[in-house]
Amino acid sequence: MTIDGSKQESYREILVIVSLQAKEKTLIRVKYLLGTTFKAARNRFLSFLISQMFDFFPKLYI
């Protein structure tokens, strides 16, 4: 291979590495967003359950 060819290969490798790092960052972002939405949904569900229990238990005591 010529010097220019090897330079092109190294540039391609650098581009591949950079694109892989960018994909990893986006994956981390997606995981973080999914985690926060799951946490929010779980908190909403738990608060709904607790409110249902508090609505239900006074009826038992009355």
N, C-alpha and C. Protein backbone atom coordinates (compact mmCIF):
# COMPACT_ATOMS: atom_id res chain seq x y z
N MET A 1 0.85 -1.19 0.00
CA MET A 1 0.00 0.00 0.00
C MET A 1 0.88 1.24 0.00
N THR A 2 0.36 2.29 -0.60
CA THR A 2 1.11 3.55 -0.61
C THR A 2 0.89 4.29 0.70
N ILE A 3 1.62 5.37 0.86
CA ILE A 3 1.47 6.18 2.08
C ILE A 3 0.06 6.77 2.13
N ASP A 4 -0.43 7.22 0.97
CA ASP A 4 -1.77 7.80 0.94
C ASP A 4 -2.82 6.75 1.31
N GLY A 5 -2.63 5.53 0.82
CA GLY A 5 -3.58 4.47 1.14
C GLY A 5 -3.61 4.17 2.62
N SER A 6 -2.44 4.11 3.24
CA SER A 6 -2.41 3.83 4.67
C SER A 6 -3.02 4.99 5.45
N LYS A 7 -2.81 6.21 4.97
CA LYS A 7 -3.43 7.36 5.64
C LYS A 7 -4.95 7.25 5.57
N GLN A 8 -5.44 6.89 4.40
CA GLN A 8 -6.89 6.75 4.25
C GLN A 8 -7.43 5.68 5.20
N GLU A 9 -6.72 4.58 5.31
CA GLU A 9 -7.16 3.52 6.22
C GLU A 9 -7.22 4.03 7.64
N SER A 10 -6.19 4.76 8.07
CA SER A 10 -6.19 5.25 9.45
C SER A 10 -7.34 6.24 9.65
N TYR A 11 -7.58 7.09 8.64
CA TYR A 11 -8.71 8.02 8.76
C TYR A 11 -10.02 7.25 8.89
N ARG A 12 -10.16 6.19 8.09
CA ARG A 12 -11.39 5.38 8.16
C ARG A 12 -11.53 4.76 9.54
N GLU A 13 -10.43 4.23 10.08
CA GLU A 13 -10.50 3.63 11.41
C GLU A 13 -10.90 4.66 12.45
N ILE A 14 -10.32 5.87 12.34
CA ILE A 14 -10.67 6.93 13.29
C ILE A 14 -12.15 7.26 13.16
N LEU A 15 -12.64 7.35 11.93
CA LEU A 15 -14.06 7.65 11.72
C LEU A 15 -14.94 6.56 12.33
N VAL A 16 -14.54 5.30 12.14
CA VAL A 16 -15.32 4.20 12.70
C VAL A 16 -15.33 4.28 14.22
N ILE A 17 -14.16 4.55 14.81
CA ILE A 17 -14.09 4.65 16.27
C ILE A 17 -14.97 5.79 16.76
N VAL A 18 -14.90 6.94 16.09
CA VAL A 18 -15.70 8.10 16.50
C VAL A 18 -17.18 7.78 16.39
N SER A 19 -17.58 7.13 15.28
CA SER A 19 -19.00 6.82 15.11
C SER A 19 -19.46 5.81 16.16
N LEU A 20 -18.58 4.84 16.50
CA LEU A 20 -18.94 3.88 17.54
C LEU A 20 -19.10 4.57 18.89
N GLN A 21 -18.20 5.51 19.19
CA GLN A 21 -18.33 6.24 20.45
C GLN A 21 -19.62 7.04 20.47
N ALA A 22 -19.98 7.65 19.34
CA ALA A 22 -21.22 8.41 19.28
C ALA A 22 -22.42 7.49 19.48
N LYS A 23 -22.38 6.30 18.88
CA LYS A 23 -23.48 5.35 19.07
C LYS A 23 -23.58 4.93 20.53
N GLU A 24 -22.43 4.70 21.19
CA GLU A 24 -22.47 4.33 22.60
C GLU A 24 -23.08 5.45 23.43
N LYS A 25 -22.71 6.70 23.11
CA LYS A 25 -23.27 7.82 23.86
C LYS A 25 -24.77 7.90 23.68
N THR A 26 -25.25 7.71 22.43
CA THR A 26 -26.69 7.76 22.22
C THR A 26 -27.37 6.61 22.93
N LEU A 27 -26.73 5.42 22.95
CA LEU A 27 -27.32 4.29 23.67
C LEU A 27 -27.41 4.60 25.15
N ILE A 28 -26.35 5.20 25.71
CA ILE A 28 -26.39 5.55 27.13
C ILE A 28 -27.51 6.55 27.38
N ARG A 29 -27.66 7.52 26.46
CA ARG A 29 -28.74 8.50 26.62
C ARG A 29 -30.10 7.82 26.58
N VAL A 30 -30.28 6.91 25.62
CA VAL A 30 -31.56 6.21 25.50
C VAL A 30 -31.83 5.39 26.76
N LYS A 31 -30.80 4.69 27.26
CA LYS A 31 -30.98 3.91 28.48
C LYS A 31 -31.36 4.82 29.64
N TYR A 32 -30.71 5.98 29.73
CA TYR A 32 -31.00 6.92 30.82
C TYR A 32 -32.44 7.42 30.72
N LEU A 33 -32.85 7.77 29.49
CA LEU A 33 -34.22 8.25 29.30
C LEU A 33 -35.22 7.15 29.64
N LEU A 34 -34.95 5.92 29.18
CA LEU A 34 -35.86 4.81 29.50
C LEU A 34 -35.91 4.58 31.00
N GLY A 35 -34.75 4.65 31.65
CA GLY A 35 -34.72 4.45 33.09
C GLY A 35 -35.53 5.50 33.83
N THR A 36 -35.43 6.76 33.40
CA THR A 36 -36.19 7.81 34.08
C THR A 36 -37.67 7.64 33.82
N THR A 37 -38.06 7.25 32.60
CA THR A 37 -39.49 7.07 32.34
C THR A 37 -40.02 5.89 33.13
N PHE A 38 -39.22 4.80 33.22
CA PHE A 38 -39.67 3.65 34.01
C PHE A 38 -39.81 4.03 35.48
N LYS A 39 -38.85 4.82 36.00
CA LYS A 39 -38.93 5.26 37.39
C LYS A 39 -40.18 6.09 37.60
N ALA A 40 -40.45 7.01 36.67
CA ALA A 40 -41.62 7.87 36.81
C ALA A 40 -42.90 7.04 36.76
N ALA A 41 -42.96 6.08 35.85
CA ALA A 41 -44.15 5.23 35.74
C ALA A 41 -44.32 4.39 37.00
N ARG A 42 -43.20 3.87 37.53
CA ARG A 42 -43.28 3.05 38.73
C ARG A 42 -43.73 3.89 39.92
N ASN A 43 -43.20 5.11 40.03
CA ASN A 43 -43.62 5.98 41.13
C ASN A 43 -45.10 6.33 41.01
N ARG A 44 -45.55 6.58 39.78
CA ARG A 44 -46.97 6.88 39.58
C ARG A 44 -47.82 5.69 39.98
N PHE A 45 -47.39 4.50 39.58
CA PHE A 45 -48.15 3.29 39.90
C PHE A 45 -48.19 3.06 41.40
N LEU A 46 -47.04 3.24 42.08
CA LEU A 46 -47.00 3.05 43.53
C LEU A 46 -47.88 4.07 44.23
N SER A 47 -47.84 5.32 43.80
CA SER A 47 -48.68 6.32 44.44
C SER A 47 -50.16 6.01 44.19
N PHE A 48 -50.47 5.50 42.99
CA PHE A 48 -51.84 5.10 42.70
C PHE A 48 -52.28 3.96 43.62
N LEU A 49 -51.41 2.96 43.81
CA LEU A 49 -51.74 1.85 44.70
C LEU A 49 -51.95 2.34 46.13
N ILE A 50 -51.07 3.21 46.60
CA ILE A 50 -51.19 3.71 47.97
C ILE A 50 -52.49 4.50 48.13
N SER A 51 -52.82 5.31 47.15
CA SER A 51 -54.07 6.07 47.25
C SER A 51 -55.28 5.13 47.22
N GLN A 52 -55.20 4.08 46.41
CA GLN A 52 -56.30 3.10 46.40
C GLN A 52 -56.43 2.41 47.75
N MET A 53 -55.29 2.07 48.37
CA MET A 53 -55.35 1.43 49.68
C MET A 53 -55.96 2.37 50.71
N PHE A 54 -55.57 3.65 50.69
CA PHE A 54 -56.12 4.60 51.66
C PHE A 54 -57.60 4.85 51.39
N ASP A 55 -58.01 4.74 50.14
CA ASP A 55 -59.44 4.87 49.85
C ASP A 55 -60.20 3.64 50.32
N PHE A 56 -59.56 2.49 50.30
CA PHE A 56 -60.24 1.24 50.60
C PHE A 56 -60.29 0.95 52.10
N PHE A 57 -59.21 1.24 52.83
CA PHE A 57 -59.15 0.87 54.24
C PHE A 57 -60.15 1.62 55.12
N PRO A 58 -60.40 2.91 54.95
CA PRO A 58 -61.42 3.55 55.80
C PRO A 58 -62.80 2.91 55.65
N LYS A 59 -63.09 2.43 54.46
CA LYS A 59 -64.38 1.76 54.27
C LYS A 59 -64.44 0.48 55.09
N LEU A 60 -63.32 -0.18 55.27
CA LEU A 60 -63.29 -1.38 56.10
C LEU A 60 -63.58 -1.04 57.55
N TYR A 61 -63.00 0.05 58.04
CA TYR A 61 -63.17 0.40 59.45
C TYR A 61 -64.55 0.98 59.73
N ILE A 62 -65.16 1.59 58.73
CA ILE A 62 -66.52 2.12 58.92
C ILE A 62 -67.49 0.97 58.74
